Amino acid sequence: MDIEKIARVCHEANRGWCAAHGDHSQATWEEAPQWQRDSSIDSVKFALANPNVPDSGQHDSWMKLKLSEGWRYGKTKDALAKTHPSLVPFEQLPAPEQAKDRLFMAIVKALA
């Protein structure tokens, strides 16, 4: 199993999901900064190791990692300032953001 290939598919699906919801800020896998690709790879590893976590599990893992890296809540995503609007509990995310986490898990399960 090639974790990076799964991460690439998840990243591109995430980019498509974001674009469908008006967020065109996501770069392609090739153009994405390394920290963003690493985040996708880490999320795939988590999903593979924890296939039965609740819907909130993937988000909780991502949020814990981001907070440990110095990110904090902010109204806009800003990699330089390390702010992100999704740094809230899963239940407080808008429905499209919750669905994005479910989509990520479904893709990992389908490709694993």
PDB file of N, CA and C in Angstrom:
ATOM      1  N   MET A   1       0.848  -1.171   0.000  1.00  0.00           N
ATOM      2  CA  MET A   1       0.000   0.000   0.000  1.00  0.00           C
ATOM      3  C   MET A   1       0.900   1.244   0.000  1.00  0.00           C
ATOM      4  N   ASP A   2       0.617   2.153  -0.896  1.00  0.00           N
ATOM      5  CA  ASP A   2       1.415   3.363  -1.013  1.00  0.00           C
ATOM      6  C   ASP A   2       0.670   4.522  -0.337  1.00  0.00           C
ATOM      7  N   ILE A   3       1.095   4.837   0.864  1.00  0.00           N
ATOM      8  CA  ILE A   3       0.423   5.868   1.662  1.00  0.00           C
ATOM      9  C   ILE A   3       0.452   7.215   0.953  1.00  0.00           C
ATOM     10  N   GLU A   4       1.564   7.543   0.302  1.00  0.00           N
ATOM     11  CA  GLU A   4       1.633   8.837  -0.381  1.00  0.00           C
ATOM     12  C   GLU A   4       0.636   8.919  -1.538  1.00  0.00           C
ATOM     13  N   LYS A   5       0.415   7.819  -2.254  1.00  0.00           N
ATOM     14  CA  LYS A   5      -0.577   7.837  -3.340  1.00  0.00           C
ATOM     15  C   LYS A   5      -1.986   8.055  -2.790  1.00  0.00           C
ATOM     16  N   ILE A   6      -2.280   7.400  -1.676  1.00  0.00           N
ATOM     17  CA  ILE A   6      -3.594   7.606  -1.053  1.00  0.00           C
ATOM     18  C   ILE A   6      -3.722   9.048  -0.586  1.00  0.00           C
ATOM     19  N   ALA A   7      -2.660   9.577   0.002  1.00  0.00           N
ATOM     20  CA  ALA A   7      -2.683  10.965   0.475  1.00  0.00           C
ATOM     21  C   ALA A   7      -2.906  11.931  -0.686  1.00  0.00           C
ATOM     22  N   ARG A   8      -2.297  11.640  -1.831  1.00  0.00           N
ATOM     23  CA  ARG A   8      -2.471  12.493  -3.013  1.00  0.00           C
ATOM     24  C   ARG A   8      -3.939  12.507  -3.451  1.00  0.00           C
ATOM     25  N   VAL A   9      -4.554  11.322  -3.505  1.00  0.00           N
ATOM     26  CA  VAL A   9      -5.967  11.245  -3.899  1.00  0.00           C
ATOM     27  C   VAL A   9      -6.829  12.009  -2.897  1.00  0.00           C
ATOM     28  N   CYS A  10      -6.555  11.819  -1.605  1.00  0.00           N
ATOM     29  CA  CYS A  10      -7.318  12.532  -0.569  1.00  0.00           C
ATOM     30  C   CYS A  10      -7.139  14.041  -0.706  1.00  0.00           C
ATOM     31  N   HIS A  11      -5.910  14.472  -0.948  1.00  0.00           N
ATOM     32  CA  HIS A  11      -5.629  15.901  -1.097  1.00  0.00           C
ATOM     33  C   HIS A  11      -6.412  16.485  -2.279  1.00  0.00           C
ATOM     34  N   GLU A  12      -6.362  15.785  -3.408  1.00  0.00           N
ATOM     35  CA  GLU A  12      -7.052  16.297  -4.601  1.00  0.00           C
ATOM     36  C   GLU A  12      -8.569  16.275  -4.425  1.00  0.00           C
ATOM     37  N   ALA A  13      -9.080  15.260  -3.734  1.00  0.00           N
ATOM     38  CA  ALA A  13     -10.514  15.229  -3.443  1.00  0.00           C
ATOM     39  C   ALA A  13     -10.889  16.390  -2.528  1.00  0.00           C
ATOM     40  N   ASN A  14     -10.039  16.649  -1.540  1.00  0.00           N
ATOM     41  CA  ASN A  14     -10.262  17.767  -0.636  1.00  0.00           C
ATOM     42  C   ASN A  14     -10.254  19.090  -1.414  1.00  0.00           C
ATOM     43  N   ARG A  15      -9.316  19.215  -2.339  1.00  0.00           N
ATOM     44  CA  ARG A  15      -9.227  20.423  -3.157  1.00  0.00           C
ATOM     45  C   ARG A  15     -10.501  20.601  -3.982  1.00  0.00           C
ATOM     46  N   GLY A  16     -10.983  19.500  -4.559  1.00  0.00           N
ATOM     47  CA  GLY A  16     -12.223  19.552  -5.327  1.00  0.00           C
ATOM     48  C   GLY A  16     -13.424  19.898  -4.470  1.00  0.00           C
ATOM     49  N   TRP A  17     -13.474  19.310  -3.270  1.00  0.00           N
ATOM     50  CA  TRP A  17     -14.567  19.596  -2.338  1.00  0.00           C
ATOM     51  C   TRP A  17     -14.570  21.075  -1.966  1.00  0.00           C
ATOM     52  N   CYS A  18     -13.381  21.584  -1.656  1.00  0.00           N
ATOM     53  CA  CYS A  18     -13.266  23.001  -1.291  1.00  0.00           C
ATOM     54  C   CYS A  18     -13.724  23.891  -2.445  1.00  0.00           C
ATOM     55  N   ALA A  19     -13.282  23.579  -3.661  1.00  0.00           N
ATOM     56  CA  ALA A  19     -13.672  24.377  -4.830  1.00  0.00           C
ATOM     57  C   ALA A  19     -15.182  24.348  -5.040  1.00  0.00           C
ATOM     58  N   ALA A  20     -15.789  23.184  -4.820  1.00  0.00           N
ATOM     59  CA  ALA A  20     -17.240  23.065  -4.972  1.00  0.00           C
ATOM     60  C   ALA A  20     -17.995  23.917  -3.954  1.00  0.00           C
ATOM     61  N   HIS A  21     -17.299  24.284  -2.869  1.00  0.00           N
ATOM     62  CA  HIS A  21     -17.919  25.098  -1.827  1.00  0.00           C
ATOM     63  C   HIS A  21     -17.342  26.514  -1.781  1.00  0.00           C
ATOM     64  N   GLY A  22     -16.737  26.940  -2.896  1.00  0.00           N
ATOM     65  CA  GLY A  22     -16.296  28.325  -3.034  1.00  0.00           C
ATOM     66  C   GLY A  22     -14.885  28.634  -2.569  1.00  0.00           C
ATOM     67  N   ASP A  23     -14.157  27.634  -2.094  1.00  0.00           N
ATOM     68  CA  ASP A  23     -12.784  27.860  -1.632  1.00  0.00           C
ATOM     69  C   ASP A  23     -11.825  27.389  -2.718  1.00  0.00           C
ATOM     70  N   HIS A  24     -11.240  28.338  -3.423  1.00  0.00           N
ATOM     71  CA  HIS A  24     -10.325  28.016  -4.518  1.00  0.00           C
ATOM     72  C   HIS A  24      -8.872  28.251  -4.115  1.00  0.00           C
ATOM     73  N   SER A  25      -8.600  28.209  -2.830  1.00  0.00           N
ATOM     74  CA  SER A  25      -7.252  28.500  -2.334  1.00  0.00           C
ATOM     75  C   SER A  25      -6.349  27.274  -2.285  1.00  0.00           C
ATOM     76  N   GLN A  26      -6.898  26.108  -2.497  1.00  0.00           N
ATOM     77  CA  GLN A  26      -6.113  24.888  -2.365  1.00  0.00           C
ATOM     78  C   GLN A  26      -5.246  24.658  -3.601  1.00  0.00           C
ATOM     79  N   ALA A  27      -3.974  24.426  -3.389  1.00  0.00           N
ATOM     80  CA  ALA A  27      -3.042  24.130  -4.482  1.00  0.00           C
ATOM     81  C   ALA A  27      -3.115  22.652  -4.841  1.00  0.00           C
ATOM     82  N   THR A  28      -2.689  22.323  -6.047  1.00  0.00           N
ATOM     83  CA  THR A  28      -2.584  20.917  -6.441  1.00  0.00           C
ATOM     84  C   THR A  28      -1.547  20.237  -5.555  1.00  0.00           C
ATOM     85  N   TRP A  29      -1.544  18.917  -5.560  1.00  0.00           N
ATOM     86  CA  TRP A  29      -0.572  18.157  -4.767  1.00  0.00           C
ATOM     87  C   TRP A  29       0.847  18.601  -5.109  1.00  0.00           C
ATOM     88  N   GLU A  30       1.141  18.743  -6.388  1.00  0.00           N
ATOM     89  CA  GLU A  30       2.488  19.105  -6.812  1.00  0.00           C
ATOM     90  C   GLU A  30       2.887  20.500  -6.337  1.00  0.00           C
ATOM     91  N   GLU A  31       1.928  21.408  -6.258  1.00  0.00           N
ATOM     92  CA  GLU A  31       2.206  22.792  -5.880  1.00  0.00           C
ATOM     93  C   GLU A  31       2.006  23.053  -4.384  1.00  0.00           C
ATOM     94  N   ALA A  32       1.454  22.099  -3.674  1.00  0.00           N
ATOM     95  CA  ALA A  32       1.176  22.283  -2.244  1.00  0.00           C
ATOM     96  C   ALA A  32       2.489  22.334  -1.469  1.00  0.00           C
ATOM     97  N   PRO A  33       2.536  23.183  -0.435  1.00  0.00           N
ATOM     98  CA  PRO A  33       3.741  23.203   0.392  1.00  0.00           C
ATOM     99  C   PRO A  33       3.930  21.850   1.088  1.00  0.00           C
ATOM    100  N   GLN A  34       5.151  21.534   1.433  1.00  0.00           N
ATOM    101  CA  GLN A  34       5.460  20.233   2.032  1.00  0.00           C
ATOM    102  C   GLN A  34       4.667  19.993   3.312  1.00  0.00           C
ATOM    103  N   TRP A  35       4.465  21.029   4.138  1.00  0.00           N
ATOM    104  CA  TRP A  35       3.724  20.836   5.385  1.00  0.00           C
ATOM    105  C   TRP A  35       2.309  20.353   5.104  1.00  0.00           C
ATOM    106  N   GLN A  36       1.731  20.817   3.976  1.00  0.00           N
ATOM    107  CA  GLN A  36       0.367  20.429   3.649  1.00  0.00           C
ATOM    108  C   GLN A  36       0.333  18.980   3.151  1.00  0.00           C
ATOM    109  N   ARG A  37       1.312  18.590   2.348  1.00  0.00           N
ATOM    110  CA  ARG A  37       1.386  17.199   1.905  1.00  0.00           C
ATOM    111  C   ARG A  37       1.643  16.286   3.098  1.00  0.00           C
ATOM    112  N   ASP A  38       2.531  16.714   4.002  1.00  0.00           N
ATOM    113  CA  ASP A  38       2.800  15.919   5.205  1.00  0.00           C
ATOM    114  C   ASP A  38       1.548  15.747   6.046  1.00  0.00           C
ATOM    115  N   SER A  39       0.727  16.794   6.110  1.00  0.00           N
ATOM    116  CA  SER A  39      -0.517  16.722   6.874  1.00  0.00           C
ATOM    117  C   SER A  39      -1.445  15.661   6.279  1.00  0.00           C
ATOM    118  N   SER A  40      -1.527  15.612   4.957  1.00  0.00           N
ATOM    119  CA  SER A  40      -2.358  14.592   4.311  1.00  0.00           C
ATOM    120  C   SER A  40      -1.809  13.192   4.579  1.00  0.00           C
ATOM    121  N   ILE A  41      -0.492  13.044   4.497  1.00  0.00           N
ATOM    122  CA  ILE A  41       0.127  11.748   4.758  1.00  0.00           C
ATOM    123  C   ILE A  41      -0.119  11.311   6.195  1.00  0.00           C
ATOM    124  N   ASP A  42       0.042  12.232   7.144  1.00  0.00           N
ATOM    125  CA  ASP A  42      -0.225  11.913   8.552  1.00  0.00           C
ATOM    126  C   ASP A  42      -1.675  11.507   8.760  1.00  0.00           C
ATOM    127  N   SER A  43      -2.582  12.200   8.075  1.00  0.00           N
ATOM    128  CA  SER A  43      -4.007  11.885   8.219  1.00  0.00           C
ATOM    129  C   SER A  43      -4.329  10.509   7.646  1.00  0.00           C
ATOM    130  N   VAL A  44      -3.677  10.137   6.543  1.00  0.00           N
ATOM    131  CA  VAL A  44      -3.883   8.806   5.979  1.00  0.00           C
ATOM    132  C   VAL A  44      -3.365   7.749   6.952  1.00  0.00           C
ATOM    133  N   LYS A  45      -2.194   7.978   7.508  1.00  0.00           N
ATOM    134  CA  LYS A  45      -1.646   7.025   8.483  1.00  0.00           C
ATOM    135  C   LYS A  45      -2.598   6.856   9.660  1.00  0.00           C
ATOM    136  N   PHE A  46      -3.159   7.970  10.149  1.00  0.00           N
ATOM    137  CA  PHE A  46      -4.113   7.894  11.260  1.00  0.00           C
ATOM    138  C   PHE A  46      -5.339   7.085  10.841  1.00  0.00           C
ATOM    139  N   ALA A  47      -5.875   7.371   9.661  1.00  0.00           N
ATOM    140  CA  ALA A  47      -7.081   6.681   9.200  1.00  0.00           C
ATOM    141  C   ALA A  47      -6.840   5.179   9.051  1.00  0.00           C
ATOM    142  N   LEU A  48      -5.678   4.815   8.551  1.00  0.00           N
ATOM    143  CA  LEU A  48      -5.368   3.389   8.392  1.00  0.00           C
ATOM    144  C   LEU A  48      -5.214   2.694   9.746  1.00  0.00           C
ATOM    145  N   ALA A  49      -4.643   3.390  10.700  1.00  0.00           N
ATOM    146  CA  ALA A  49      -4.429   2.810  12.029  1.00  0.00           C
ATOM    147  C   ALA A  49      -5.696   2.809  12.875  1.00  0.00           C
ATOM    148  N   ASN A  50      -6.673   3.638  12.498  1.00  0.00           N
ATOM    149  CA  ASN A  50      -7.899   3.800  13.300  1.00  0.00           C
ATOM    150  C   ASN A  50      -9.135   3.757  12.402  1.00  0.00           C
ATOM    151  N   PRO A  51      -9.390   2.640  11.728  1.00  0.00           N
ATOM    152  CA  PRO A  51     -10.486   2.604  10.742  1.00  0.00           C
ATOM    153  C   PRO A  51     -11.883   2.725  11.331  1.00  0.00           C
ATOM    154  N   ASN A  52     -12.035   2.525  12.626  1.00  0.00           N
ATOM    155  CA  ASN A  52     -13.368   2.542  13.227  1.00  0.00           C
ATOM    156  C   ASN A  52     -13.609   3.730  14.146  1.00  0.00           C
ATOM    157  N   VAL A  53     -12.812   4.789  13.999  1.00  0.00           N
ATOM    158  CA  VAL A  53     -13.039   5.966  14.841  1.00  0.00           C
ATOM    159  C   VAL A  53     -14.364   6.615  14.462  1.00  0.00           C
ATOM    160  N   PRO A  54     -14.972   7.352  15.386  1.00  0.00           N
ATOM    161  CA  PRO A  54     -16.204   8.073  15.035  1.00  0.00           C
ATOM    162  C   PRO A  54     -15.895   9.165  14.009  1.00  0.00           C
ATOM    163  N   ASP A  55     -16.931   9.756  13.450  1.00  0.00           N
ATOM    164  CA  ASP A  55     -16.756  10.802  12.435  1.00  0.00           C
ATOM    165  C   ASP A  55     -15.802  11.893  12.889  1.00  0.00           C
ATOM    166  N   SER A  56     -15.805  12.171  14.162  1.00  0.00           N
ATOM    167  CA  SER A  56     -14.969  13.253  14.688  1.00  0.00           C
ATOM    168  C   SER A  56     -13.497  12.862  14.814  1.00  0.00           C
ATOM    169  N   GLY A  57     -13.183  11.587  14.744  1.00  0.00           N
ATOM    170  CA  GLY A  57     -11.835  11.102  15.018  1.00  0.00           C
ATOM    171  C   GLY A  57     -10.763  11.683  14.136  1.00  0.00           C
ATOM    172  N   GLN A  58     -11.004  11.717  12.836  1.00  0.00           N
ATOM    173  CA  GLN A  58     -10.009  12.256  11.908  1.00  0.00           C
ATOM    174  C   GLN A  58      -9.763  13.732  12.202  1.00  0.00           C
ATOM    175  N   HIS A  59     -10.829  14.473  12.408  1.00  0.00           N
ATOM    176  CA  HIS A  59     -10.690  15.902  12.700  1.00  0.00           C
ATOM    177  C   HIS A  59      -9.957  16.123  14.020  1.00  0.00           C
ATOM    178  N   ASP A  60     -10.321  15.345  15.031  1.00  0.00           N
ATOM    179  CA  ASP A  60      -9.670  15.503  16.335  1.00  0.00           C
ATOM    180  C   ASP A  60      -8.170  15.257  16.235  1.00  0.00           C
ATOM    181  N   SER A  61      -7.785  14.245  15.475  1.00  0.00           N
ATOM    182  CA  SER A  61      -6.367  13.943  15.288  1.00  0.00           C
ATOM    183  C   SER A  61      -5.661  15.084  14.553  1.00  0.00           C
ATOM    184  N   TRP A  62      -6.282  15.575  13.485  1.00  0.00           N
ATOM    185  CA  TRP A  62      -5.724  16.687  12.715  1.00  0.00           C
ATOM    186  C   TRP A  62      -5.579  17.929  13.603  1.00  0.00           C
ATOM    187  N   MET A  63      -6.610  18.222  14.382  1.00  0.00           N
ATOM    188  CA  MET A  63      -6.586  19.412  15.233  1.00  0.00           C
ATOM    189  C   MET A  63      -5.492  19.299  16.297  1.00  0.00           C
ATOM    190  N   LYS A  64      -5.341  18.143  16.891  1.00  0.00           N
ATOM    191  CA  LYS A  64      -4.298  17.939  17.908  1.00  0.00           C
ATOM    192  C   LYS A  64      -2.917  18.187  17.302  1.00  0.00           C
ATOM    193  N   LEU A  65      -2.695  17.664  16.100  1.00  0.00           N
ATOM    194  CA  LEU A  65      -1.403  17.868  15.429  1.00  0.00           C
ATOM    195  C   LEU A  65      -1.174  19.342  15.135  1.00  0.00           C
ATOM    196  N   LYS A  66      -2.179  20.015  14.591  1.00  0.00           N
ATOM    197  CA  LYS A  66      -2.035  21.440  14.259  1.00  0.00           C
ATOM    198  C   LYS A  66      -1.726  22.267  15.511  1.00  0.00           C
ATOM    199  N   LEU A  67      -2.451  22.021  16.578  1.00  0.00           N
ATOM    200  CA  LEU A  67      -2.216  22.774  17.816  1.00  0.00           C
ATOM    201  C   LEU A  67      -0.804  22.518  18.342  1.00  0.00           C
ATOM    202  N   SER A  68      -0.329  21.284  18.214  1.00  0.00           N
ATOM    203  CA  SER A  68       1.026  20.974  18.678  1.00  0.00           C
ATOM    204  C   SER A  68       2.089  21.664  17.814  1.00  0.00           C
ATOM    205  N   GLU A  69       1.731  22.002  16.591  1.00  0.00           N
ATOM    206  CA  GLU A  69       2.649  22.695  15.686  1.00  0.00           C
ATOM    207  C   GLU A  69       2.559  24.217  15.809  1.00  0.00           C
ATOM    208  N   GLY A  70       1.754  24.696  16.758  1.00  0.00           N
ATOM    209  CA  GLY A  70       1.652  26.134  16.987  1.00  0.00           C
ATOM    210  C   GLY A  70       0.524  26.836  16.262  1.00  0.00           C
ATOM    211  N   TRP A  71      -0.339  26.092  15.581  1.00  0.00           N
ATOM    212  CA  TRP A  71      -1.492  26.703  14.921  1.00  0.00           C
ATOM    213  C   TRP A  71      -2.524  27.063  15.978  1.00  0.00           C
ATOM    214  N   ARG A  72      -3.380  28.025  15.644  1.00  0.00           N
ATOM    215  CA  ARG A  72      -4.465  28.422  16.537  1.00  0.00           C
ATOM    216  C   ARG A  72      -5.670  28.819  15.694  1.00  0.00           C
ATOM    217  N   TYR A  73      -6.800  28.938  16.368  1.00  0.00           N
ATOM    218  CA  TYR A  73      -8.016  29.329  15.665  1.00  0.00           C
ATOM    219  C   TYR A  73      -7.860  30.743  15.109  1.00  0.00           C
ATOM    220  N   GLY A  74      -8.363  30.928  13.916  1.00  0.00           N
ATOM    221  CA  GLY A  74      -8.438  32.242  13.287  1.00  0.00           C
ATOM    222  C   GLY A  74      -9.556  32.222  12.259  1.00  0.00           C
ATOM    223  N   LYS A  75     -10.145  33.362  11.993  1.00  0.00           N
ATOM    224  CA  LYS A  75     -11.278  33.423  11.056  1.00  0.00           C
ATOM    225  C   LYS A  75     -10.881  33.043   9.639  1.00  0.00           C
ATOM    226  N   THR A  76      -9.594  33.207   9.313  1.00  0.00           N
ATOM    227  CA  THR A  76      -9.114  32.839   7.987  1.00  0.00           C
ATOM    228  C   THR A  76      -7.913  31.903   8.117  1.00  0.00           C
ATOM    229  N   LYS A  77      -7.752  31.056   7.105  1.00  0.00           N
ATOM    230  CA  LYS A  77      -6.595  30.169   7.066  1.00  0.00           C
ATOM    231  C   LYS A  77      -5.397  30.988   6.597  1.00  0.00           C
ATOM    232  N   ASP A  78      -4.360  30.975   7.394  1.00  0.00           N
ATOM    233  CA  ASP A  78      -3.145  31.732   7.081  1.00  0.00           C
ATOM    234  C   ASP A  78      -1.946  30.917   7.552  1.00  0.00           C
ATOM    235  N   ALA A  79      -1.228  30.329   6.589  1.00  0.00           N
ATOM    236  CA  ALA A  79      -0.107  29.455   6.938  1.00  0.00           C
ATOM    237  C   ALA A  79       1.014  30.210   7.629  1.00  0.00           C
ATOM    238  N   LEU A  80       1.228  31.472   7.266  1.00  0.00           N
ATOM    239  CA  LEU A  80       2.303  32.239   7.896  1.00  0.00           C
ATOM    240  C   LEU A  80       1.967  32.573   9.346  1.00  0.00           C
ATOM    241  N   ALA A  81       0.721  32.960   9.573  1.00  0.00           N
ATOM    242  CA  ALA A  81       0.280  33.293  10.936  1.00  0.00           C
ATOM    243  C   ALA A  81      -0.128  32.041  11.713  1.00  0.00           C
ATOM    244  N   LYS A  82      -0.230  30.916  11.005  1.00  0.00           N
ATOM    245  CA  LYS A  82      -0.662  29.642  11.591  1.00  0.00           C
ATOM    246  C   LYS A  82      -2.045  29.765  12.245  1.00  0.00           C
ATOM    247  N   THR A  83      -2.989  30.311  11.472  1.00  0.00           N
ATOM    248  CA  THR A  83      -4.366  30.377  11.932  1.00  0.00           C
ATOM    249  C   THR A  83      -5.244  29.559  10.978  1.00  0.00           C
ATOM    250  N   HIS A  84      -6.304  28.994  11.523  1.00  0.00           N
ATOM    251  CA  HIS A  84      -7.190  28.160  10.716  1.00  0.00           C
ATOM    252  C   HIS A  84      -8.591  28.193  11.328  1.00  0.00           C
ATOM    253  N   PRO A  85      -9.625  28.413  10.502  1.00  0.00           N
ATOM    254  CA  PRO A  85     -10.989  28.473  11.033  1.00  0.00           C
ATOM    255  C   PRO A  85     -11.557  27.119  11.456  1.00  0.00           C
ATOM    256  N   SER A  86     -10.914  26.030  11.071  1.00  0.00           N
ATOM    257  CA  SER A  86     -11.419  24.702  11.438  1.00  0.00           C
ATOM    258  C   SER A  86     -10.843  24.172  12.745  1.00  0.00           C
ATOM    259  N   LEU A  87     -10.092  24.992  13.448  1.00  0.00           N
ATOM    260  CA  LEU A  87      -9.535  24.558  14.736  1.00  0.00           C
ATOM    261  C   LEU A  87     -10.564  24.753  15.849  1.00  0.00           C
ATOM    262  N   VAL A  88     -11.652  24.034  15.697  1.00  0.00           N
ATOM    263  CA  VAL A  88     -12.754  24.003  16.660  1.00  0.00           C
ATOM    264  C   VAL A  88     -13.195  22.549  16.782  1.00  0.00           C
ATOM    265  N   PRO A  89     -13.907  22.199  17.834  1.00  0.00           N
ATOM    266  CA  PRO A  89     -14.418  20.825  17.942  1.00  0.00           C
ATOM    267  C   PRO A  89     -15.245  20.443  16.706  1.00  0.00           C
ATOM    268  N   PHE A  90     -15.202  19.178  16.345  1.00  0.00           N
ATOM    269  CA  PHE A  90     -15.892  18.667  15.164  1.00  0.00           C
ATOM    270  C   PHE A  90     -17.354  19.116  15.109  1.00  0.00           C
ATOM    271  N   GLU A  91     -18.022  19.060  16.248  1.00  0.00           N
ATOM    272  CA  GLU A  91     -19.447  19.396  16.299  1.00  0.00           C
ATOM    273  C   GLU A  91     -19.710  20.863  15.950  1.00  0.00           C
ATOM    274  N   GLN A  92     -18.693  21.715  16.069  1.00  0.00           N
ATOM    275  CA  GLN A  92     -18.851  23.133  15.754  1.00  0.00           C
ATOM    276  C   GLN A  92     -18.503  23.457  14.293  1.00  0.00           C
ATOM    277  N   LEU A  93     -17.999  22.476  13.564  1.00  0.00           N
ATOM    278  CA  LEU A  93     -17.681  22.704  12.155  1.00  0.00           C
ATOM    279  C   LEU A  93     -18.967  22.832  11.344  1.00  0.00           C
ATOM    280  N   PRO A  94     -18.944  23.656  10.299  1.00  0.00           N
ATOM    281  CA  PRO A  94     -20.089  23.682   9.391  1.00  0.00           C
ATOM    282  C   PRO A  94     -20.269  22.302   8.744  1.00  0.00           C
ATOM    283  N   ALA A  95     -21.475  21.987   8.335  1.00  0.00           N
ATOM    284  CA  ALA A  95     -21.778  20.677   7.748  1.00  0.00           C
ATOM    285  C   ALA A  95     -20.839  20.301   6.596  1.00  0.00           C
ATOM    286  N   PRO A  96     -20.506  21.225   5.674  1.00  0.00           N
ATOM    287  CA  PRO A  96     -19.587  20.841   4.598  1.00  0.00           C
ATOM    288  C   PRO A  96     -18.200  20.441   5.104  1.00  0.00           C
ATOM    289  N   GLU A  97     -17.736  21.044   6.191  1.00  0.00           N
ATOM    290  CA  GLU A  97     -16.436  20.682   6.759  1.00  0.00           C
ATOM    291  C   GLU A  97     -16.496  19.304   7.417  1.00  0.00           C
ATOM    292  N   GLN A  98     -17.604  19.010   8.073  1.00  0.00           N
ATOM    293  CA  GLN A  98     -17.768  17.680   8.657  1.00  0.00           C
ATOM    294  C   GLN A  98     -17.806  16.629   7.546  1.00  0.00           C
ATOM    295  N   ALA A  99     -18.509  16.942   6.472  1.00  0.00           N
ATOM    296  CA  ALA A  99     -18.604  16.009   5.349  1.00  0.00           C
ATOM    297  C   ALA A  99     -17.240  15.786   4.704  1.00  0.00           C
ATOM    298  N   LYS A 100     -16.404  16.816   4.682  1.00  0.00           N
ATOM    299  CA  LYS A 100     -15.065  16.700   4.111  1.00  0.00           C
ATOM    300  C   LYS A 100     -14.243  15.665   4.888  1.00  0.00           C
ATOM    301  N   ASP A 101     -14.377  15.650   6.213  1.00  0.00           N
ATOM    302  CA  ASP A 101     -13.671  14.649   7.023  1.00  0.00           C
ATOM    303  C   ASP A 101     -14.203  13.246   6.734  1.00  0.00           C
ATOM    304  N   ARG A 102     -15.508  13.129   6.563  1.00  0.00           N
ATOM    305  CA  ARG A 102     -16.091  11.820   6.245  1.00  0.00           C
ATOM    306  C   ARG A 102     -15.616  11.338   4.871  1.00  0.00           C
ATOM    307  N   LEU A 103     -15.537  12.257   3.922  1.00  0.00           N
ATOM    308  CA  LEU A 103     -15.061  11.930   2.586  1.00  0.00           C
ATOM    309  C   LEU A 103     -13.625  11.427   2.641  1.00  0.00           C
ATOM    310  N   PHE A 104     -12.790  12.078   3.409  1.00  0.00           N
ATOM    311  CA  PHE A 104     -11.390  11.675   3.553  1.00  0.00           C
ATOM    312  C   PHE A 104     -11.317  10.232   4.040  1.00  0.00           C
ATOM    313  N   MET A 105     -12.050   9.918   5.096  1.00  0.00           N
ATOM    314  CA  MET A 105     -12.029   8.564   5.654  1.00  0.00           C
ATOM    315  C   MET A 105     -12.542   7.550   4.641  1.00  0.00           C
ATOM    316  N   ALA A 106     -13.580   7.904   3.898  1.00  0.00           N
ATOM    317  CA  ALA A 106     -14.142   6.983   2.908  1.00  0.00           C
ATOM    318  C   ALA A 106     -13.135   6.698   1.793  1.00  0.00           C
ATOM    319  N   ILE A 107     -12.394   7.708   1.380  1.00  0.00           N
ATOM    320  CA  ILE A 107     -11.395   7.501   0.329  1.00  0.00           C
ATOM    321  C   ILE A 107     -10.285   6.585   0.834  1.00  0.00           C
ATOM    322  N   VAL A 108      -9.810   6.830   2.047  1.00  0.00           N
ATOM    323  CA  VAL A 108      -8.756   5.963   2.595  1.00  0.00           C
ATOM    324  C   VAL A 108      -9.237   4.520   2.656  1.00  0.00           C
ATOM    325  N   LYS A 109     -10.442   4.309   3.153  1.00  0.00           N
ATOM    326  CA  LYS A 109     -10.971   2.937   3.248  1.00  0.00           C
ATOM    327  C   LYS A 109     -11.102   2.291   1.874  1.00  0.00           C
ATOM    328  N   ALA A 110     -11.512   3.075   0.877  1.00  0.00           N
ATOM    329  CA  ALA A 110     -11.692   2.537  -0.469  1.00  0.00           C
ATOM    330  C   ALA A 110     -10.371   2.158  -1.134  1.00  0.00           C
ATOM    331  N   LEU A 111      -9.310   2.900  -0.798  1.00  0.00           N
ATOM    332  CA  LEU A 111      -8.021   2.668  -1.448  1.00  0.00           C
ATOM    333  C   LEU A 111      -7.078   1.765  -0.660  1.00  0.00           C
ATOM    334  N   ALA A 112      -7.428   1.496   0.594  1.00  0.00           N
ATOM    335  CA  ALA A 112      -6.540   0.684   1.443  1.00  0.00           C
ATOM    336  C   ALA A 112      -6.618  -0.787   1.092  1.00  0.00           C
TER     337      ALA A 112
END
